């Protein structure tokens, strides 16, 4: 086994220069213990897991960090309540445990407690309300069983009609009986979580290589191509982990997936008024599905999400159909006293869930049935060539998925490695809440960069032009764009605007910020 001790003190900063150097090392014949393909949450998590066990690691992605499904989530770290309702107790408990790990140990700067109101409108029967309340109480028991502190996630409670409208003033008052208040974990940004995981892996010596496409895989490496130069190289490894999500089946033949599309709308905050909480709005005719209204704290609100199967070729960036937009607006309009029209939608995004197709010809026709009913449990599969593929699951449980994939890779290849340590490794920027509260930086930066916020803020202090927002009405500053280039591996405008910041979720804002992104790349 080749230990990574010589690279263990590598800095966490990712840059174009570091990428070129580390890619050249592999092209010159350097072997690694573990090659990870895919740099979404699970792939970056696998790179961190393996590197922190003392293994040498290279992790590649054809595009960028969080290019695929990981950036299209609801930005929530779920406690597993939905899985309780469908009898998936193991998935529910695993979700609650992983939520606690993120909120209290590894990423308290990126995940905070978010209140949610379920308004008891005339569309919610008393029976449905009782069932939802029982679910929230069960969710609180899940929190306790996962040993997550009450101080981290407060208890659910009932609200009067006055309290409910105080938290969500735009609710229709007619027939409103009150509300149910619950709590869950909310991410500052899912793409920022992936960036933090990847940079933490880099700090443990992993080579994090974006724009590096795997052309073919075997159990001993990959033929890859540098997408910036077109040059091909052979990456030699003792074991290979395929963490490419919905694209996993294009690299190995042993995996069958049923991708599901989840769509979100982006609204300006003023369209819905001041929100002191998110909302669960029941979907008519469904007993356990809701549309979520998610205030982001940056002048935007997300509304989602759908769960629709897709067929055919998996696109790099899924398109949002008008039917999804209409469906979400209809459900939103069923609870609000304000008009939210198609013109109010300033952006929309869709992600594809890599759900396992567990149907067989003995029971049903493959590809039939609702993807909403497919389990979110993950699976680790080893191909006949020895490639370890991890699929299924969800963002909340990325760390456990990565652990299981690395366990399988280590066992299958005969590598000697330390035990998994990622439940206790703080991600880049993590610090105790008391420490974060005393940092000399704006609170918005602390919520996105944690202990690195003062360094980001200092860029604006040194050059006042960098302290200004790059788009009117949106808080992201030029300093954040420059930080993305110097420390977070951003190589072009799309990396900066679509993943290191989320300016690009609103096309109008993206266009307005392009010049600032080019300036950051040129500095």
Protein backbone atom coordinates (compact mmCIF):
# COMPACT_ATOMS: atom_id res chain seq x y z
CA UNK A 1 0.00 0.00 0.00
CA UNK A 2 1.22 3.53 -0.82
CA UNK A 3 0.51 5.75 2.15
CA UNK A 4 -0.41 9.39 1.59
CA UNK A 5 1.65 10.64 4.54
CA UNK A 6 3.92 12.56 2.19
CA UNK A 7 0.93 14.55 0.96
CA UNK A 8 -1.06 14.72 4.20
CA UNK A 9 -0.12 18.34 4.83
CA UNK A 10 -1.24 19.44 1.36
CA UNK A 11 -3.19 22.71 1.52
CA UNK A 12 -6.92 22.67 0.97
CA UNK A 13 -6.83 25.32 -1.76
CA UNK A 14 -7.69 24.13 -5.26
CA UNK A 15 -6.46 26.06 -8.29
CA UNK A 16 -5.73 25.70 -11.99
CA UNK A 17 -2.00 25.45 -11.24
CA UNK A 18 -2.48 22.67 -8.72
CA UNK A 19 -4.70 20.78 -11.16
CA UNK A 20 -2.07 20.98 -13.91
CA UNK A 21 0.68 19.76 -11.58
CA UNK A 22 -1.27 16.84 -10.18
CA UNK A 23 -2.61 15.76 -13.55
CA UNK A 24 0.97 15.75 -14.87
CA UNK A 25 2.02 13.49 -11.99
CA UNK A 26 -0.59 10.93 -13.03
CA UNK A 27 0.31 11.23 -16.70
CA UNK A 28 3.95 10.54 -15.77
CA UNK A 29 2.91 7.19 -14.29
CA UNK A 30 2.20 7.86 -10.62
CA UNK A 31 0.07 5.09 -9.10
CA UNK A 32 -2.67 5.71 -6.56
CA UNK A 33 -4.41 3.36 -4.18
CA UNK A 34 -7.91 4.64 -5.03
CA UNK A 35 -9.29 6.30 -8.13
CA UNK A 36 -12.69 7.93 -7.62
CA UNK A 37 -14.71 8.86 -10.70
CA UNK A 38 -17.30 11.56 -10.09
CA UNK A 39 -17.00 14.64 -7.88
CA UNK A 40 -20.50 15.13 -6.59
CA UNK A 41 -21.11 14.80 -2.86
CA UNK A 42 -20.61 11.03 -2.77
CA UNK A 43 -17.51 11.01 -4.97
CA UNK A 44 -15.88 13.87 -3.07
CA UNK A 45 -16.89 12.10 0.15
CA UNK A 46 -15.23 8.88 -1.05
CA UNK A 47 -12.05 10.83 -1.87
CA UNK A 48 -12.01 12.30 1.64
CA UNK A 49 -12.83 8.98 3.28
CA UNK A 50 -10.04 7.11 1.47
CA UNK A 51 -7.43 9.86 1.86
CA UNK A 52 -8.16 10.21 5.57
CA UNK A 53 -7.55 6.46 5.99
CA UNK A 54 -4.00 6.93 4.73
CA UNK A 55 -4.58 5.89 1.11
CA UNK A 56 -3.33 7.76 -1.95
CA UNK A 57 -6.27 9.08 -3.94
CA UNK A 58 -7.08 10.66 -7.28
CA UNK A 59 -10.64 11.89 -7.90
CA UNK A 60 -11.72 13.00 -11.36
CA UNK A 61 -14.79 14.53 -12.94
CA UNK A 62 -15.55 15.24 -16.59
CA UNK A 63 -16.94 18.65 -15.65
CA UNK A 64 -16.67 20.33 -12.26
CA UNK A 65 -17.31 19.86 -8.57
CA UNK A 66 -21.06 19.37 -7.99
CA UNK A 67 -21.79 19.54 -11.70
CA UNK A 68 -24.55 16.90 -11.54
CA UNK A 69 -27.33 16.05 -9.10
CA UNK A 70 -25.57 17.38 -6.00
CA UNK A 71 -26.17 21.02 -6.96
CA UNK A 72 -29.85 20.58 -7.83
CA UNK A 73 -31.19 19.53 -4.42
CA UNK A 74 -33.65 21.31 -2.13
CA UNK A 75 -30.65 22.47 -0.08
CA UNK A 76 -32.00 20.48 2.87
CA UNK A 77 -30.35 17.96 5.16
CA UNK A 78 -33.36 15.76 5.87
CA UNK A 79 -33.94 13.85 9.07
CA UNK A 80 -35.74 11.00 7.35
CA UNK A 81 -39.35 11.80 8.27
CA UNK A 82 -40.70 10.85 4.84
CA UNK A 83 -39.05 7.43 5.06
CA UNK A 84 -40.70 6.72 8.40
CA UNK A 85 -44.09 7.17 6.77
CA UNK A 86 -43.25 4.55 4.14
CA UNK A 87 -41.85 2.06 6.64
CA UNK A 88 -38.19 2.54 5.67
CA UNK A 89 -37.01 2.70 9.28
CA UNK A 90 -33.37 1.96 8.46
CA UNK A 91 -33.20 4.74 5.87
CA UNK A 92 -34.96 7.15 8.25
CA UNK A 93 -32.57 6.43 11.11
CA UNK A 94 -29.51 6.65 8.86
CA UNK A 95 -30.71 10.04 7.59
CA UNK A 96 -31.23 11.35 11.12
CA UNK A 97 -27.76 10.19 12.18
CA UNK A 98 -26.06 11.78 9.18
CA UNK A 99 -27.99 15.03 9.70
CA UNK A 100 -26.65 15.18 13.23
CA UNK A 101 -23.08 14.52 12.05
CA UNK A 102 -23.26 17.45 9.62
CA UNK A 103 -25.01 19.87 11.98
CA UNK A 104 -22.94 19.22 15.08
CA UNK A 105 -19.54 17.95 13.94
CA UNK A 106 -18.46 18.22 10.35
CA UNK A 107 -20.28 21.23 8.84
CA UNK A 108 -22.05 23.38 11.45
CA UNK A 109 -21.12 26.45 9.37
CA UNK A 110 -23.06 25.17 6.36
CA UNK A 111 -26.09 23.49 7.96
CA UNK A 112 -28.47 25.27 10.32
CA UNK A 113 -31.84 24.52 11.83
CA UNK A 114 -34.69 25.67 9.59
CA UNK A 115 -38.27 26.04 10.87
CA UNK A 116 -41.10 24.81 8.66
CA UNK A 117 -44.80 25.60 8.91
CA UNK A 118 -47.49 23.24 7.66
CA UNK A 119 -50.53 25.54 7.42
CA UNK A 120 -53.81 23.92 8.38
CA UNK A 121 -55.89 25.23 5.51
CA UNK A 122 -59.35 23.93 4.55
CA UNK A 123 -57.54 21.56 2.14
CA UNK A 124 -55.94 19.78 5.12
CA UNK A 125 -58.49 17.61 6.92
CA UNK A 126 -58.30 17.09 10.65
CA UNK A 127 -57.31 13.51 10.00
CA UNK A 128 -54.44 14.59 7.76
CA UNK A 129 -53.37 17.15 10.35
CA UNK A 130 -53.33 14.48 13.07
CA UNK A 131 -51.27 12.20 10.86
CA UNK A 132 -48.79 14.97 10.05
CA UNK A 133 -48.49 15.88 13.74
CA UNK A 134 -47.81 12.24 14.63
CA UNK A 135 -45.13 12.24 11.94
CA UNK A 136 -43.44 15.35 13.33
CA UNK A 137 -43.43 13.83 16.83
CA UNK A 138 -41.95 10.63 15.40
CA UNK A 139 -39.35 12.75 13.65
CA UNK A 140 -38.41 14.25 16.99
CA UNK A 141 -37.93 10.74 18.37
CA UNK A 142 -35.66 10.06 15.40
CA UNK A 143 -33.63 13.12 16.39
CA UNK A 144 -33.27 11.78 19.90
CA UNK A 145 -32.35 8.29 18.70
CA UNK A 146 -29.62 9.84 16.53
CA UNK A 147 -28.29 11.69 19.63
CA UNK A 148 -28.78 15.12 18.06
CA UNK A 149 -29.11 17.83 20.69
CA UNK A 150 -32.41 19.56 21.37
CA UNK A 151 -30.42 22.80 21.17
CA UNK A 152 -29.57 21.92 17.57
CA UNK A 153 -33.12 21.04 16.51
CA UNK A 154 -36.01 22.43 18.60
CA UNK A 155 -39.16 20.44 19.30
CA UNK A 156 -42.18 20.58 16.98
CA UNK A 157 -45.23 22.44 18.24
CA UNK A 158 -48.67 23.58 17.18
CA UNK A 159 -49.35 27.17 16.13
CA UNK A 160 -52.44 29.31 16.35
CA UNK A 161 -53.79 30.90 13.19
CA UNK A 162 -52.30 34.24 14.29
CA UNK A 163 -48.85 32.69 14.89
CA UNK A 164 -49.02 30.88 11.57
CA UNK A 165 -49.75 34.05 9.61
CA UNK A 166 -47.06 35.90 11.56
CA UNK A 167 -44.49 33.40 10.29
CA UNK A 168 -45.95 33.29 6.77
CA UNK A 169 -47.89 36.53 6.17
CA UNK A 170 -48.82 35.59 2.59
CA UNK A 171 -51.03 32.69 3.69
CA UNK A 172 -54.72 32.90 2.83
CA UNK A 173 -56.53 33.65 6.13
CA UNK A 174 -59.91 32.22 5.13
CA UNK A 175 -60.46 28.95 6.96
CA UNK A 176 -56.93 28.84 8.39
CA UNK A 177 -57.10 26.82 11.63
CA UNK A 178 -53.46 27.23 12.63
CA UNK A 179 -50.29 25.41 11.72
CA UNK A 180 -47.75 22.78 12.67
CA UNK A 181 -44.19 23.91 13.28
CA UNK A 182 -41.30 21.49 12.71
CA UNK A 183 -37.54 21.76 12.21
CA UNK A 184 -35.00 20.25 9.84
CA UNK A 185 -31.50 21.00 8.58
CA UNK A 186 -30.99 23.56 5.81
CA UNK A 187 -27.80 23.88 3.79
CA UNK A 188 -26.42 27.28 2.96
CA UNK A 189 -25.77 25.74 -0.46
CA UNK A 190 -25.41 22.15 -1.67
CA UNK A 191 -22.64 22.99 -4.16
CA UNK A 192 -20.68 24.70 -1.39
CA UNK A 193 -20.94 21.52 0.68
CA UNK A 194 -19.38 19.54 -2.17
CA UNK A 195 -16.64 22.15 -2.55
CA UNK A 196 -15.88 21.92 1.18
CA UNK A 197 -15.74 18.11 1.05
CA UNK A 198 -13.41 18.15 -1.98
CA UNK A 199 -11.09 20.74 -0.44
CA UNK A 200 -10.96 18.76 2.80
CA UNK A 201 -10.00 15.70 0.77
CA UNK A 202 -7.29 17.79 -0.92
CA UNK A 203 -5.99 18.82 2.49
CA UNK A 204 -5.58 15.10 3.25
CA UNK A 205 -3.54 14.64 0.09
CA UNK A 206 -6.16 13.66 -2.49
CA UNK A 207 -5.68 14.86 -6.06
CA UNK A 208 -8.93 16.61 -7.02
CA UNK A 209 -9.07 16.90 -10.81
CA UNK A 210 -11.98 18.52 -12.61
CA UNK A 211 -12.36 18.62 -16.43
CA UNK A 212 -10.87 15.10 -16.51
CA UNK A 213 -13.19 12.65 -18.24
CA UNK A 214 -13.07 8.89 -17.65
CA UNK A 215 -13.28 7.24 -21.08
CA UNK A 216 -13.21 3.65 -19.79
CA UNK A 217 -12.81 1.93 -16.43
CA UNK A 218 -11.31 -1.30 -15.16
CA UNK A 219 -10.63 -2.45 -11.64
CA UNK A 220 -7.04 -1.22 -12.00
CA UNK A 221 -7.55 2.26 -13.38
CA UNK A 222 -9.02 4.39 -16.14
CA UNK A 223 -8.31 5.77 -19.53
CA UNK A 224 -8.99 9.47 -19.12
CA UNK A 225 -8.89 12.69 -21.11
CA UNK A 226 -7.97 16.19 -20.02
CA UNK A 227 -10.98 18.12 -21.33
CA UNK A 228 -8.99 21.36 -21.42
CA UNK A 229 -6.16 20.11 -23.65
CA UNK A 230 -7.62 17.00 -25.27
CA UNK A 231 -4.65 14.92 -24.12
CA UNK A 232 -5.34 11.36 -22.96
CA UNK A 233 -3.68 9.56 -20.07
CA UNK A 234 -3.82 6.28 -18.21
CA UNK A 235 -4.53 6.57 -14.49
CA UNK A 236 -3.27 3.52 -12.59
CA UNK A 237 -4.96 2.55 -9.36
CA UNK A 238 -5.28 -0.45 -7.07
CA UNK A 239 -9.04 0.00 -6.87
CA UNK A 240 -11.65 2.15 -8.64
CA UNK A 241 -14.86 3.68 -7.28
CA UNK A 242 -17.55 4.78 -9.75
CA UNK A 243 -19.55 7.59 -8.08
CA UNK A 244 -21.01 9.19 -11.19
CA UNK A 245 -24.65 9.10 -10.07
CA UNK A 246 -27.16 8.98 -12.91
CA UNK A 247 -24.29 8.38 -15.38
CA UNK A 248 -22.96 5.31 -13.51
CA UNK A 249 -24.41 2.88 -16.04
CA UNK A 250 -22.46 4.47 -18.89
CA UNK A 251 -19.18 3.31 -17.35
CA UNK A 252 -20.15 -0.15 -16.06
CA UNK A 253 -22.72 -2.66 -17.25
CA UNK A 254 -23.80 -4.04 -13.87
CA UNK A 255 -26.03 -1.15 -12.77
CA UNK A 256 -29.63 -0.40 -13.77
CA UNK A 257 -31.08 2.94 -12.73
CA UNK A 258 -34.43 4.71 -12.98
CA UNK A 259 -33.62 8.42 -12.88
CA UNK A 260 -36.25 10.70 -11.40
CA UNK A 261 -36.53 14.43 -12.10
CA UNK A 262 -36.96 16.84 -9.21
CA UNK A 263 -37.82 20.41 -10.26
CA UNK A 264 -37.59 23.63 -8.25
CA UNK A 265 -38.71 27.15 -9.08
CA UNK A 266 -36.78 30.29 -8.15
CA UNK A 267 -38.83 33.31 -7.05
CA UNK A 268 -37.81 36.72 -5.75
CA UNK A 269 -38.53 36.95 -2.02
CA UNK A 270 -40.82 39.93 -2.46
CA UNK A 271 -43.24 37.79 -4.48
CA UNK A 272 -44.22 35.90 -1.32
CA UNK A 273 -43.47 38.55 1.32
CA UNK A 274 -41.44 38.14 4.47
CA UNK A 275 -41.03 34.48 5.39
CA UNK A 276 -39.92 33.64 8.94
CA UNK A 277 -40.06 29.94 8.08
CA UNK A 278 -40.22 27.53 5.19
CA UNK A 279 -43.50 25.84 4.33
CA UNK A 280 -44.83 22.36 3.74
CA UNK A 281 -47.85 22.59 1.43
CA UNK A 282 -49.70 19.26 1.05
CA UNK A 283 -50.11 18.03 -2.53
CA UNK A 284 -53.82 17.35 -3.19
CA UNK A 285 -54.56 13.64 -3.37
CA UNK A 286 -51.25 12.63 -1.75
CA UNK A 287 -50.99 11.50 1.85
CA UNK A 288 -47.26 11.99 2.35
CA UNK A 289 -46.00 14.40 -0.29
CA UNK A 290 -45.56 18.14 0.02
CA UNK A 291 -44.38 21.10 -2.00
CA UNK A 292 -41.67 22.91 -0.07
CA UNK A 293 -41.26 26.68 0.07
CA UNK A 294 -37.64 27.39 0.97
CA UNK A 295 -36.42 30.94 1.77
CA UNK A 296 -32.69 31.23 1.00
CA UNK A 297 -31.76 34.42 2.82
CA UNK A 298 -30.34 35.96 -0.37
CA UNK A 299 -33.45 37.55 -1.82
CA UNK A 300 -34.61 34.29 -3.39
CA UNK A 301 -37.10 31.58 -2.52
CA UNK A 302 -37.09 28.04 -3.95
CA UNK A 303 -40.33 26.14 -4.48
CA UNK A 304 -40.18 22.40 -5.14
CA UNK A 305 -40.17 19.65 -5.83
CA UNK A 306 -41.52 17.20 -8.35
CA UNK A 307 -40.75 13.49 -8.63
CA UNK A 308 -41.17 12.37 -12.23
CA UNK A 309 -39.48 9.46 -14.03
CA UNK A 310 -37.39 10.22 -17.09
CA UNK A 311 -36.62 7.95 -20.00
CA UNK A 312 -33.89 7.92 -22.61
CA UNK A 313 -30.46 9.54 -22.60
CA UNK A 314 -29.43 11.29 -19.41
CA UNK A 315 -28.64 14.96 -20.19
CA UNK A 316 -25.73 16.86 -18.62
CA UNK A 317 -28.12 19.59 -17.47
CA UNK A 318 -31.81 18.59 -17.26
CA UNK A 319 -34.41 20.91 -18.74
CA UNK A 320 -37.43 22.02 -16.73
CA UNK A 321 -40.74 21.28 -18.49
CA UNK A 322 -43.59 23.77 -18.30
CA UNK A 323 -45.79 21.04 -16.81
CA UNK A 324 -43.57 20.94 -13.72
CA UNK A 325 -43.68 24.72 -13.39
CA UNK A 326 -47.46 24.76 -13.69
CA UNK A 327 -47.86 21.97 -11.14
CA UNK A 328 -45.72 23.73 -8.53
CA UNK A 329 -47.44 27.08 -9.07
CA UNK A 330 -50.86 25.44 -8.69
CA UNK A 331 -49.95 23.83 -5.36
CA UNK A 332 -48.35 27.06 -4.12
CA UNK A 333 -51.43 29.03 -5.12
CA UNK A 334 -53.68 26.68 -3.13
CA UNK A 335 -52.33 28.12 0.13
CA UNK A 336 -51.36 31.73 -0.58
CA UNK A 337 -53.37 34.94 -0.55
CA UNK A 338 -51.04 36.53 -3.10
CA UNK A 339 -50.89 35.81 -6.81
CA UNK A 340 -47.74 34.05 -7.98
CA UNK A 341 -47.88 33.77 -11.76
CA UNK A 342 -45.63 32.26 -14.42
CA UNK A 343 -44.05 35.70 -14.82
CA UNK A 344 -43.00 35.55 -11.16
CA UNK A 345 -40.69 32.62 -11.89
CA UNK A 346 -37.23 34.14 -12.47
CA UNK A 347 -35.45 30.78 -12.68
CA UNK A 348 -35.95 27.05 -12.43
CA UNK A 349 -33.71 24.03 -12.03
CA UNK A 350 -34.09 20.27 -12.15
CA UNK A 351 -31.93 17.47 -10.81
CA UNK A 352 -31.98 13.75 -11.60
CA UNK A 353 -32.03 11.31 -8.71
CA UNK A 354 -29.99 8.14 -9.39
CA UNK A 355 -32.62 5.71 -8.09
CA UNK A 356 -32.00 1.98 -8.25
CA UNK A 357 -34.33 0.07 -10.57
CA UNK A 358 -35.32 -2.87 -8.39
CA UNK A 359 -38.10 -4.16 -10.63
CA UNK A 360 -37.83 -7.60 -12.19
CA UNK A 361 -39.60 -9.25 -15.09
CA UNK A 362 -41.22 -11.65 -12.63
CA UNK A 363 -43.12 -8.91 -10.86
CA UNK A 364 -43.63 -5.96 -13.16
CA UNK A 365 -42.47 -4.37 -16.35
CA UNK A 366 -39.08 -2.66 -15.82
CA UNK A 367 -39.43 1.09 -15.79
CA UNK A 368 -43.08 1.15 -14.74
CA UNK A 369 -44.51 2.55 -11.51
CA UNK A 370 -43.87 5.88 -9.78
CA UNK A 371 -40.33 6.93 -8.96
CA UNK A 372 -41.79 8.63 -5.87
CA UNK A 373 -42.35 5.12 -4.50
CA UNK A 374 -38.77 3.86 -5.08
CA UNK A 375 -36.59 3.50 -1.99
CA UNK A 376 -33.88 6.11 -1.39
CA UNK A 377 -31.62 3.39 0.04
CA UNK A 378 -28.18 3.29 -1.54
CA UNK A 379 -26.32 0.29 -2.87
CA UNK A 380 -22.68 -0.62 -3.50
CA UNK A 381 -22.10 -3.00 -6.42
CA UNK A 382 -18.80 -4.51 -7.61
CA UNK A 383 -18.59 -5.27 -11.34
CA UNK A 384 -17.01 -8.34 -12.88
CA UNK A 385 -13.97 -6.17 -13.68
CA UNK A 386 -13.67 -5.08 -10.06
CA UNK A 387 -15.07 -1.54 -10.34
CA UNK A 388 -16.98 -0.54 -7.19
CA UNK A 389 -20.11 1.49 -8.03
CA UNK A 390 -22.17 3.38 -5.45
CA UNK A 391 -25.67 4.51 -6.45
CA UNK A 392 -29.02 5.48 -4.95
CA UNK A 393 -29.22 7.33 -1.67
CA UNK A 394 -29.47 11.09 -1.28
CA UNK A 395 -27.43 14.14 -0.37
CA UNK A 396 -27.97 13.82 3.38
CA UNK A 397 -26.36 10.38 3.51
CA UNK A 398 -23.43 11.08 1.19
CA UNK A 399 -20.88 10.42 3.95
CA UNK A 400 -22.24 6.95 4.76
CA UNK A 401 -22.48 6.11 1.05
CA UNK A 402 -18.84 7.10 0.65
CA UNK A 403 -17.82 5.03 3.67
CA UNK A 404 -19.58 1.93 2.35
CA UNK A 405 -18.00 2.37 -1.09
CA UNK A 406 -14.49 2.73 0.33
CA UNK A 407 -15.05 -0.25 2.66
CA UNK A 408 -16.01 -2.37 -0.37
CA UNK A 409 -13.07 -1.09 -2.43
CA UNK A 410 -10.56 -1.76 0.33
CA UNK A 411 -11.90 -5.25 1.02
CA UNK A 412 -12.12 -6.20 -2.64
CA UNK A 413 -8.62 -5.00 -3.51
CA UNK A 414 -6.85 -6.28 -0.41
CA UNK A 415 -5.56 -2.82 0.54
CA UNK A 416 -4.55 -2.16 4.11
CA UNK A 417 -6.22 0.96 5.43
CA UNK A 418 -7.23 2.64 8.65
CA UNK A 419 -10.87 2.67 9.76
CA UNK A 420 -13.27 5.35 8.54
CA UNK A 421 -12.84 8.65 10.41
CA UNK A 422 -15.17 10.98 8.52
CA UNK A 423 -17.79 11.28 11.26
CA UNK A 424 -15.29 13.39 13.18
CA UNK A 425 -13.34 15.24 10.46
CA UNK A 426 -14.48 18.88 10.24
CA UNK A 427 -14.87 20.11 6.68
CA UNK A 428 -12.97 23.19 5.51
CA UNK A 429 -14.47 26.22 7.28
CA UNK A 430 -16.08 24.27 10.12
CA UNK A 431 -15.87 25.61 13.67
CA UNK A 432 -17.91 25.55 16.85
CA UNK A 433 -20.95 27.87 16.82
CA UNK A 434 -19.40 30.04 19.54
CA UNK A 435 -16.29 30.52 17.43
CA UNK A 436 -18.27 31.28 14.29
CA UNK A 437 -20.29 33.88 16.16
CA UNK A 438 -17.16 35.88 17.03
CA UNK A 439 -15.60 35.99 13.54
CA UNK A 440 -14.90 39.47 12.18
CA UNK A 441 -16.87 39.08 8.98
CA UNK A 442 -20.45 39.63 7.77
CA UNK A 443 -22.84 36.93 8.99
CA UNK A 444 -23.78 36.00 5.43
CA UNK A 445 -20.14 35.16 4.66
CA UNK A 446 -19.82 33.16 7.88
CA UNK A 447 -22.85 31.06 6.88
CA UNK A 448 -21.20 30.23 3.54
CA UNK A 449 -17.48 30.15 4.34
CA UNK A 450 -17.32 29.48 8.07
CA UNK A 451 -13.90 30.13 9.56
CA UNK A 452 -12.61 31.29 6.15
CA UNK A 453 -15.10 34.19 6.07
CA UNK A 454 -12.60 36.75 7.45
CA UNK A 455 -10.16 35.86 4.65
CA UNK A 456 -12.88 36.32 2.02
CA UNK A 457 -13.93 39.58 3.66
CA UNK A 458 -10.29 40.78 3.70
CA UNK A 459 -10.19 40.68 -0.10
CA UNK A 460 -12.90 43.32 -0.12
CA UNK A 461 -11.17 45.39 2.54
CA UNK A 462 -7.96 45.39 0.50
CA UNK A 463 -9.81 46.33 -2.71
CA UNK A 464 -13.12 48.10 -2.04
CA UNK A 465 -14.34 47.33 -5.55
CA UNK A 466 -14.42 43.64 -4.55
CA UNK A 467 -16.67 44.40 -1.58
CA UNK A 468 -19.55 45.43 -3.84
CA UNK A 469 -22.32 43.06 -4.97
CA UNK A 470 -21.73 41.92 -8.55
CA UNK A 471 -25.48 41.93 -9.31
CA UNK A 472 -27.99 44.50 -8.02
CA UNK A 473 -30.32 42.91 -5.48
CA UNK A 474 -28.11 39.86 -4.87
CA UNK A 475 -25.51 39.83 -2.08
CA UNK A 476 -22.60 37.94 -3.72
CA UNK A 477 -19.52 40.18 -3.95
CA UNK A 478 -16.51 40.30 -6.23
CA UNK A 479 -14.39 39.01 -3.34
CA UNK A 480 -16.34 35.73 -3.42
CA UNK A 481 -15.72 35.34 -7.15
CA UNK A 482 -11.99 35.89 -6.68
CA UNK A 483 -11.90 33.44 -3.75
CA UNK A 484 -13.54 30.82 -5.97
CA UNK A 485 -10.72 31.13 -8.50
CA UNK A 486 -7.83 31.27 -6.02
CA UNK A 487 -8.97 28.66 -3.52
CA UNK A 488 -11.96 26.64 -4.79
CA UNK A 489 -10.76 25.36 -8.15
CA UNK A 490 -13.04 27.46 -10.36
CA UNK A 491 -11.67 27.33 -13.91
CA UNK A 492 -14.23 29.31 -15.90
CA UNK A 493 -17.26 31.56 -15.64
CA UNK A 494 -19.73 28.70 -15.24
CA UNK A 495 -17.76 27.24 -12.32
CA UNK A 496 -17.93 30.61 -10.58
CA UNK A 497 -21.51 31.61 -11.33
CA UNK A 498 -23.26 28.24 -11.37
CA UNK A 499 -21.50 26.27 -8.62
CA UNK A 500 -19.17 28.30 -6.35
CA UNK A 501 -21.91 30.91 -6.12
CA UNK A 502 -25.49 30.33 -7.27
CA UNK A 503 -25.95 33.57 -9.17
CA UNK A 504 -26.59 31.52 -12.30
CA UNK A 505 -29.87 30.08 -11.03
CA UNK A 506 -31.48 33.27 -12.33
CA UNK A 507 -30.52 33.72 -16.02
CA UNK A 508 -30.89 37.52 -15.88
CA UNK A 509 -28.53 37.74 -12.90
CA UNK A 510 -26.07 35.35 -14.54
CA UNK A 511 -25.80 37.52 -17.63
CA UNK A 512 -25.26 40.61 -15.50
CA UNK A 513 -22.45 38.91 -13.52
CA UNK A 514 -20.45 37.49 -16.45
CA UNK A 515 -18.09 40.46 -16.71
CA UNK A 516 -17.27 40.28 -13.00
CA UNK A 517 -16.56 36.55 -13.35
CA UNK A 518 -14.21 37.22 -16.25
CA UNK A 519 -12.44 39.87 -14.19
CA UNK A 520 -11.93 37.39 -11.34
CA UNK A 521 -10.43 34.82 -13.72
CA UNK A 522 -8.06 37.44 -15.18
CA UNK A 523 -6.66 38.67 -11.85
